[in-house]
Amino acid sequence: MDRPWGKWSVLYEHEDNTTKVKRLVVNPNSSLSRQKHASRNELWHVVEGKGIVELYRNTNFRLEAHSMIEIPAGGWHKLINDSEEELVIIEIQYGDTCDEEDIERQEDDADEVE
């Protein structure tokens, strides 16, 4: 699916909807909205590029190729590509349910889209 920040596609989805694998491509100098999920955890593996994950508004982690980070259910997070190259991530979602509707965005990021 194309988005203003880049695109994503589903690589795998378990029939009971408790596991999903996506490929995210974040455009240079773009970011996703600050968000959290009530029913799922996410594990991100960086395939290529560099970026930043902002957790809970006060902790930043630098991402680069082959790094990984786990985002717990209920944890506010924001993915930022602050480079001039695409950031490609494999996202493994797992939990009670992996629905696209399980997303809450913070209001101060209203100018950014998913």
N, C-alpha and C. Protein backbone atom coordinates (compact mmCIF):
# COMPACT_ATOMS: atom_id res chain seq x y z
N MET A 1 0.85 -1.18 0.00
CA MET A 1 0.00 0.00 0.00
C MET A 1 0.89 1.24 0.00
N ASP A 2 0.60 2.14 -0.87
CA ASP A 2 1.34 3.39 -0.93
C ASP A 2 0.82 4.37 0.11
N ARG A 3 1.73 5.05 0.74
CA ARG A 3 1.44 6.06 1.75
C ARG A 3 2.31 7.28 1.46
N PRO A 4 2.00 8.44 2.05
CA PRO A 4 2.85 9.62 1.83
C PRO A 4 4.29 9.41 2.30
N TRP A 5 4.51 8.58 3.30
CA TRP A 5 5.85 8.33 3.83
C TRP A 5 6.61 7.25 3.07
N GLY A 6 5.91 6.46 2.25
CA GLY A 6 6.54 5.36 1.53
C GLY A 6 5.51 4.31 1.14
N LYS A 7 5.79 3.04 1.45
CA LYS A 7 4.85 1.97 1.12
C LYS A 7 5.10 0.75 2.00
N TRP A 8 4.09 -0.13 2.05
CA TRP A 8 4.23 -1.39 2.77
C TRP A 8 3.48 -2.48 2.03
N SER A 9 3.92 -3.70 2.25
CA SER A 9 3.23 -4.85 1.67
C SER A 9 3.27 -5.99 2.68
N VAL A 10 2.27 -6.84 2.64
CA VAL A 10 2.20 -8.00 3.53
C VAL A 10 2.90 -9.16 2.83
N LEU A 11 3.88 -9.74 3.53
CA LEU A 11 4.61 -10.89 3.01
C LEU A 11 4.01 -12.21 3.50
N TYR A 12 3.43 -12.18 4.71
CA TYR A 12 2.85 -13.38 5.31
C TYR A 12 1.81 -12.96 6.33
N GLU A 13 0.72 -13.72 6.38
CA GLU A 13 -0.31 -13.49 7.39
C GLU A 13 -0.86 -14.84 7.83
N HIS A 14 -0.74 -15.15 9.13
CA HIS A 14 -1.24 -16.42 9.64
C HIS A 14 -2.76 -16.41 9.65
N GLU A 15 -3.36 -17.54 9.40
CA GLU A 15 -4.82 -17.64 9.29
C GLU A 15 -5.55 -17.23 10.56
N ASP A 16 -4.93 -17.38 11.74
CA ASP A 16 -5.61 -16.99 12.97
C ASP A 16 -5.36 -15.52 13.34
N ASN A 17 -4.66 -14.79 12.47
CA ASN A 17 -4.44 -13.34 12.60
C ASN A 17 -3.60 -12.97 13.83
N THR A 18 -2.75 -13.88 14.29
CA THR A 18 -1.89 -13.57 15.43
C THR A 18 -0.45 -13.30 15.02
N THR A 19 -0.15 -13.46 13.74
CA THR A 19 1.18 -13.18 13.21
C THR A 19 1.04 -12.61 11.80
N LYS A 20 1.82 -11.56 11.54
CA LYS A 20 1.85 -10.96 10.21
C LYS A 20 3.26 -10.45 9.96
N VAL A 21 3.73 -10.58 8.72
CA VAL A 21 5.04 -10.09 8.33
C VAL A 21 4.86 -9.09 7.20
N LYS A 22 5.45 -7.90 7.38
CA LYS A 22 5.34 -6.83 6.38
C LYS A 22 6.72 -6.37 5.94
N ARG A 23 6.77 -5.79 4.78
CA ARG A 23 7.97 -5.10 4.28
C ARG A 23 7.60 -3.62 4.20
N LEU A 24 8.33 -2.78 4.93
CA LEU A 24 8.11 -1.34 4.92
C LEU A 24 9.25 -0.66 4.17
N VAL A 25 8.91 0.29 3.32
CA VAL A 25 9.91 1.12 2.65
C VAL A 25 9.58 2.57 2.99
N VAL A 26 10.46 3.21 3.75
CA VAL A 26 10.25 4.59 4.19
C VAL A 26 11.10 5.50 3.31
N ASN A 27 10.45 6.46 2.68
CA ASN A 27 11.14 7.39 1.78
C ASN A 27 12.18 8.22 2.53
N PRO A 28 13.19 8.70 1.82
CA PRO A 28 14.18 9.58 2.44
C PRO A 28 13.51 10.79 3.10
N ASN A 29 14.00 11.17 4.27
CA ASN A 29 13.52 12.34 5.01
C ASN A 29 12.02 12.30 5.26
N SER A 30 11.50 11.12 5.58
CA SER A 30 10.08 10.94 5.87
C SER A 30 9.92 10.20 7.19
N SER A 31 8.71 10.23 7.74
CA SER A 31 8.45 9.50 8.97
C SER A 31 7.00 9.04 9.03
N LEU A 32 6.78 8.02 9.82
CA LEU A 32 5.43 7.57 10.12
C LEU A 32 4.94 8.34 11.34
N SER A 33 3.66 8.32 11.57
CA SER A 33 3.11 9.00 12.74
C SER A 33 3.53 8.30 14.02
N ARG A 34 3.52 9.03 15.12
CA ARG A 34 3.75 8.43 16.44
C ARG A 34 2.50 7.62 16.76
N GLN A 35 2.68 6.35 17.11
CA GLN A 35 1.54 5.46 17.27
C GLN A 35 1.83 4.37 18.29
N LYS A 36 0.77 3.67 18.67
CA LYS A 36 0.90 2.49 19.50
C LYS A 36 -0.19 1.51 19.13
N HIS A 37 0.00 0.25 19.57
CA HIS A 37 -0.93 -0.83 19.24
C HIS A 37 -1.29 -1.55 20.54
N ALA A 38 -2.55 -1.79 20.75
CA ALA A 38 -3.00 -2.41 22.00
C ALA A 38 -2.80 -3.93 22.01
N SER A 39 -2.92 -4.56 20.86
CA SER A 39 -2.99 -6.02 20.83
C SER A 39 -1.82 -6.71 20.17
N ARG A 40 -0.80 -5.96 19.76
CA ARG A 40 0.32 -6.62 19.09
C ARG A 40 1.66 -5.99 19.43
N ASN A 41 2.69 -6.83 19.39
CA ASN A 41 4.08 -6.41 19.48
C ASN A 41 4.60 -6.34 18.05
N GLU A 42 5.70 -5.63 17.87
CA GLU A 42 6.34 -5.58 16.56
C GLU A 42 7.84 -5.78 16.74
N LEU A 43 8.42 -6.55 15.86
CA LEU A 43 9.86 -6.74 15.80
C LEU A 43 10.30 -6.23 14.43
N TRP A 44 11.22 -5.28 14.43
CA TRP A 44 11.71 -4.69 13.18
C TRP A 44 13.14 -5.11 12.92
N HIS A 45 13.39 -5.54 11.70
CA HIS A 45 14.74 -5.87 11.24
C HIS A 45 15.05 -4.97 10.05
N VAL A 46 16.14 -4.21 10.14
CA VAL A 46 16.50 -3.28 9.07
C VAL A 46 17.24 -4.05 7.98
N VAL A 47 16.69 -4.02 6.78
CA VAL A 47 17.30 -4.68 5.63
C VAL A 47 18.33 -3.76 4.98
N GLU A 48 17.94 -2.50 4.81
CA GLU A 48 18.87 -1.52 4.25
C GLU A 48 18.47 -0.12 4.66
N GLY A 49 19.44 0.77 4.66
CA GLY A 49 19.20 2.16 5.02
C GLY A 49 19.49 2.43 6.49
N LYS A 50 19.17 3.65 6.90
CA LYS A 50 19.39 4.10 8.27
C LYS A 50 18.18 4.92 8.72
N GLY A 51 18.00 4.98 10.01
CA GLY A 51 16.90 5.76 10.54
C GLY A 51 16.93 5.81 12.05
N ILE A 52 15.83 6.30 12.61
CA ILE A 52 15.69 6.45 14.06
C ILE A 52 14.33 5.91 14.47
N VAL A 53 14.31 5.19 15.60
CA VAL A 53 13.06 4.83 16.25
C VAL A 53 12.99 5.65 17.52
N GLU A 54 11.91 6.40 17.66
CA GLU A 54 11.67 7.16 18.89
C GLU A 54 10.65 6.37 19.70
N LEU A 55 11.06 5.95 20.92
CA LEU A 55 10.17 5.21 21.81
C LEU A 55 9.76 6.09 22.98
N TYR A 56 8.49 6.08 23.29
CA TYR A 56 7.97 6.79 24.45
C TYR A 56 8.36 8.26 24.49
N ARG A 57 8.64 8.86 23.34
CA ARG A 57 8.96 10.29 23.23
C ARG A 57 10.30 10.70 23.83
N ASN A 58 10.97 9.81 24.54
CA ASN A 58 12.19 10.26 25.21
C ASN A 58 13.40 9.36 24.98
N THR A 59 13.23 8.30 24.21
CA THR A 59 14.35 7.39 23.96
C THR A 59 14.46 7.16 22.45
N ASN A 60 15.62 7.49 21.90
CA ASN A 60 15.85 7.29 20.48
C ASN A 60 16.86 6.18 20.27
N PHE A 61 16.60 5.36 19.26
CA PHE A 61 17.52 4.31 18.88
C PHE A 61 17.89 4.49 17.42
N ARG A 62 19.17 4.47 17.13
CA ARG A 62 19.66 4.58 15.75
C ARG A 62 19.55 3.21 15.09
N LEU A 63 18.95 3.17 13.92
CA LEU A 63 18.82 1.94 13.15
C LEU A 63 19.76 1.99 11.96
N GLU A 64 20.33 0.84 11.63
CA GLU A 64 21.12 0.71 10.41
C GLU A 64 20.99 -0.74 9.96
N ALA A 65 21.51 -1.04 8.79
CA ALA A 65 21.36 -2.38 8.22
C ALA A 65 21.73 -3.46 9.22
N HIS A 66 20.86 -4.46 9.33
CA HIS A 66 21.00 -5.64 10.17
C HIS A 66 20.73 -5.39 11.65
N SER A 67 20.32 -4.18 12.03
CA SER A 67 19.92 -3.97 13.42
C SER A 67 18.46 -4.37 13.59
N MET A 68 18.10 -4.66 14.83
CA MET A 68 16.74 -5.07 15.16
C MET A 68 16.28 -4.34 16.41
N ILE A 69 14.96 -4.15 16.49
CA ILE A 69 14.38 -3.55 17.69
C ILE A 69 12.98 -4.13 17.88
N GLU A 70 12.60 -4.33 19.14
CA GLU A 70 11.28 -4.83 19.47
C GLU A 70 10.45 -3.70 20.04
N ILE A 71 9.24 -3.56 19.53
CA ILE A 71 8.29 -2.55 20.00
C ILE A 71 7.19 -3.30 20.77
N PRO A 72 7.09 -3.11 22.08
CA PRO A 72 6.07 -3.84 22.84
C PRO A 72 4.67 -3.27 22.63
N ALA A 73 3.68 -4.12 22.78
CA ALA A 73 2.29 -3.67 22.72
C ALA A 73 2.10 -2.55 23.73
N GLY A 74 1.40 -1.51 23.33
CA GLY A 74 1.15 -0.37 24.21
C GLY A 74 2.25 0.67 24.22
N GLY A 75 3.36 0.42 23.52
CA GLY A 75 4.49 1.34 23.51
C GLY A 75 4.39 2.37 22.38
N TRP A 76 4.41 3.64 22.75
CA TRP A 76 4.41 4.69 21.73
C TRP A 76 5.72 4.61 20.95
N HIS A 77 5.62 4.72 19.63
CA HIS A 77 6.81 4.66 18.79
C HIS A 77 6.61 5.47 17.51
N LYS A 78 7.73 5.92 16.97
CA LYS A 78 7.72 6.69 15.73
C LYS A 78 8.95 6.29 14.93
N LEU A 79 8.76 5.97 13.66
CA LEU A 79 9.86 5.58 12.78
C LEU A 79 10.21 6.75 11.87
N ILE A 80 11.49 7.13 11.85
CA ILE A 80 11.95 8.30 11.12
C ILE A 80 13.11 7.89 10.20
N ASN A 81 12.99 8.22 8.93
CA ASN A 81 14.12 8.07 8.02
C ASN A 81 14.72 9.46 7.84
N ASP A 82 15.85 9.70 8.49
CA ASP A 82 16.49 11.01 8.44
C ASP A 82 17.65 11.02 7.43
N SER A 83 17.64 10.05 6.52
CA SER A 83 18.73 9.95 5.55
C SER A 83 18.24 10.29 4.13
N GLU A 84 19.15 10.23 3.20
CA GLU A 84 18.84 10.51 1.80
C GLU A 84 18.55 9.23 1.01
N GLU A 85 18.50 8.09 1.69
CA GLU A 85 18.28 6.80 1.05
C GLU A 85 17.02 6.15 1.65
N GLU A 86 16.43 5.22 0.91
CA GLU A 86 15.28 4.50 1.43
C GLU A 86 15.68 3.69 2.66
N LEU A 87 14.74 3.56 3.59
CA LEU A 87 14.89 2.72 4.77
C LEU A 87 13.95 1.53 4.57
N VAL A 88 14.50 0.32 4.52
CA VAL A 88 13.70 -0.88 4.28
C VAL A 88 13.73 -1.74 5.54
N ILE A 89 12.53 -2.07 6.02
CA ILE A 89 12.38 -2.82 7.27
C ILE A 89 11.46 -4.00 7.06
N ILE A 90 11.83 -5.14 7.64
CA ILE A 90 10.91 -6.27 7.75
C ILE A 90 10.29 -6.18 9.14
N GLU A 91 8.98 -6.09 9.18
CA GLU A 91 8.24 -5.95 10.43
C GLU A 91 7.49 -7.25 10.71
N ILE A 92 7.75 -7.85 11.87
CA ILE A 92 7.03 -9.04 12.30
C ILE A 92 6.08 -8.62 13.40
N GLN A 93 4.80 -8.73 13.14
CA GLN A 93 3.77 -8.41 14.13
C GLN A 93 3.32 -9.72 14.78
N TYR A 94 3.14 -9.69 16.10
CA TYR A 94 2.63 -10.87 16.78
C TYR A 94 1.90 -10.45 18.05
N GLY A 95 0.84 -11.19 18.37
CA GLY A 95 0.06 -10.89 19.56
C GLY A 95 -1.33 -11.46 19.45
N ASP A 96 -2.26 -10.88 20.21
CA ASP A 96 -3.63 -11.37 20.21
C ASP A 96 -4.29 -11.22 18.85
N THR A 97 -4.01 -10.10 18.18
CA THR A 97 -4.54 -9.87 16.85
C THR A 97 -3.64 -8.89 16.12
N CYS A 98 -3.50 -9.06 14.83
CA CYS A 98 -2.65 -8.20 14.01
C CYS A 98 -3.49 -7.47 12.97
N ASP A 99 -4.48 -6.74 13.44
CA ASP A 99 -5.38 -5.99 12.57
C ASP A 99 -4.84 -4.60 12.29
N GLU A 100 -5.08 -4.11 11.09
CA GLU A 100 -4.67 -2.75 10.72
C GLU A 100 -5.43 -1.70 11.55
N GLU A 101 -6.58 -2.07 12.09
CA GLU A 101 -7.37 -1.13 12.90
C GLU A 101 -6.78 -0.93 14.30
N ASP A 102 -5.88 -1.81 14.71
CA ASP A 102 -5.27 -1.71 16.03
C ASP A 102 -4.14 -0.68 15.99
N ILE A 103 -4.54 0.58 15.93
CA ILE A 103 -3.56 1.66 15.88
C ILE A 103 -4.16 2.90 16.52
N GLU A 104 -3.38 3.52 17.37
CA GLU A 104 -3.76 4.81 17.97
C GLU A 104 -2.64 5.78 17.66
N ARG A 105 -3.00 6.94 17.09
CA ARG A 105 -2.01 7.95 16.76
C ARG A 105 -2.11 9.12 17.73
N GLN A 106 -0.99 9.75 18.01
CA GLN A 106 -1.01 10.94 18.87
C GLN A 106 -1.42 12.15 18.06
N GLU A 107 -2.21 13.00 18.69
CA GLU A 107 -2.76 14.17 18.02
C GLU A 107 -1.70 15.16 17.52
N ASP A 108 -0.58 15.29 18.23
CA ASP A 108 0.43 16.26 17.81
C ASP A 108 1.15 15.84 16.53
N ASP A 109 0.86 14.65 16.05
CA ASP A 109 1.41 14.20 14.78
C ASP A 109 0.33 14.20 13.69
N ALA A 110 -0.68 15.02 13.85
CA ALA A 110 -1.80 15.03 12.92
C ALA A 110 -1.40 15.39 11.51
N ASP A 111 -0.26 16.07 11.33
CA ASP A 111 0.18 16.44 9.98
C ASP A 111 0.87 15.28 9.28
N GLU A 112 1.13 14.20 9.98
CA GLU A 112 1.78 13.05 9.39
C GLU A 112 0.72 11.96 9.17
N VAL A 113 0.94 11.12 8.20
CA VAL A 113 -0.02 10.10 7.87
C VAL A 113 0.61 8.75 8.05
N GLU A 114 -0.08 7.87 8.77
CA GLU A 114 0.31 6.47 9.00
C GLU A 114 1.69 6.23 8.49
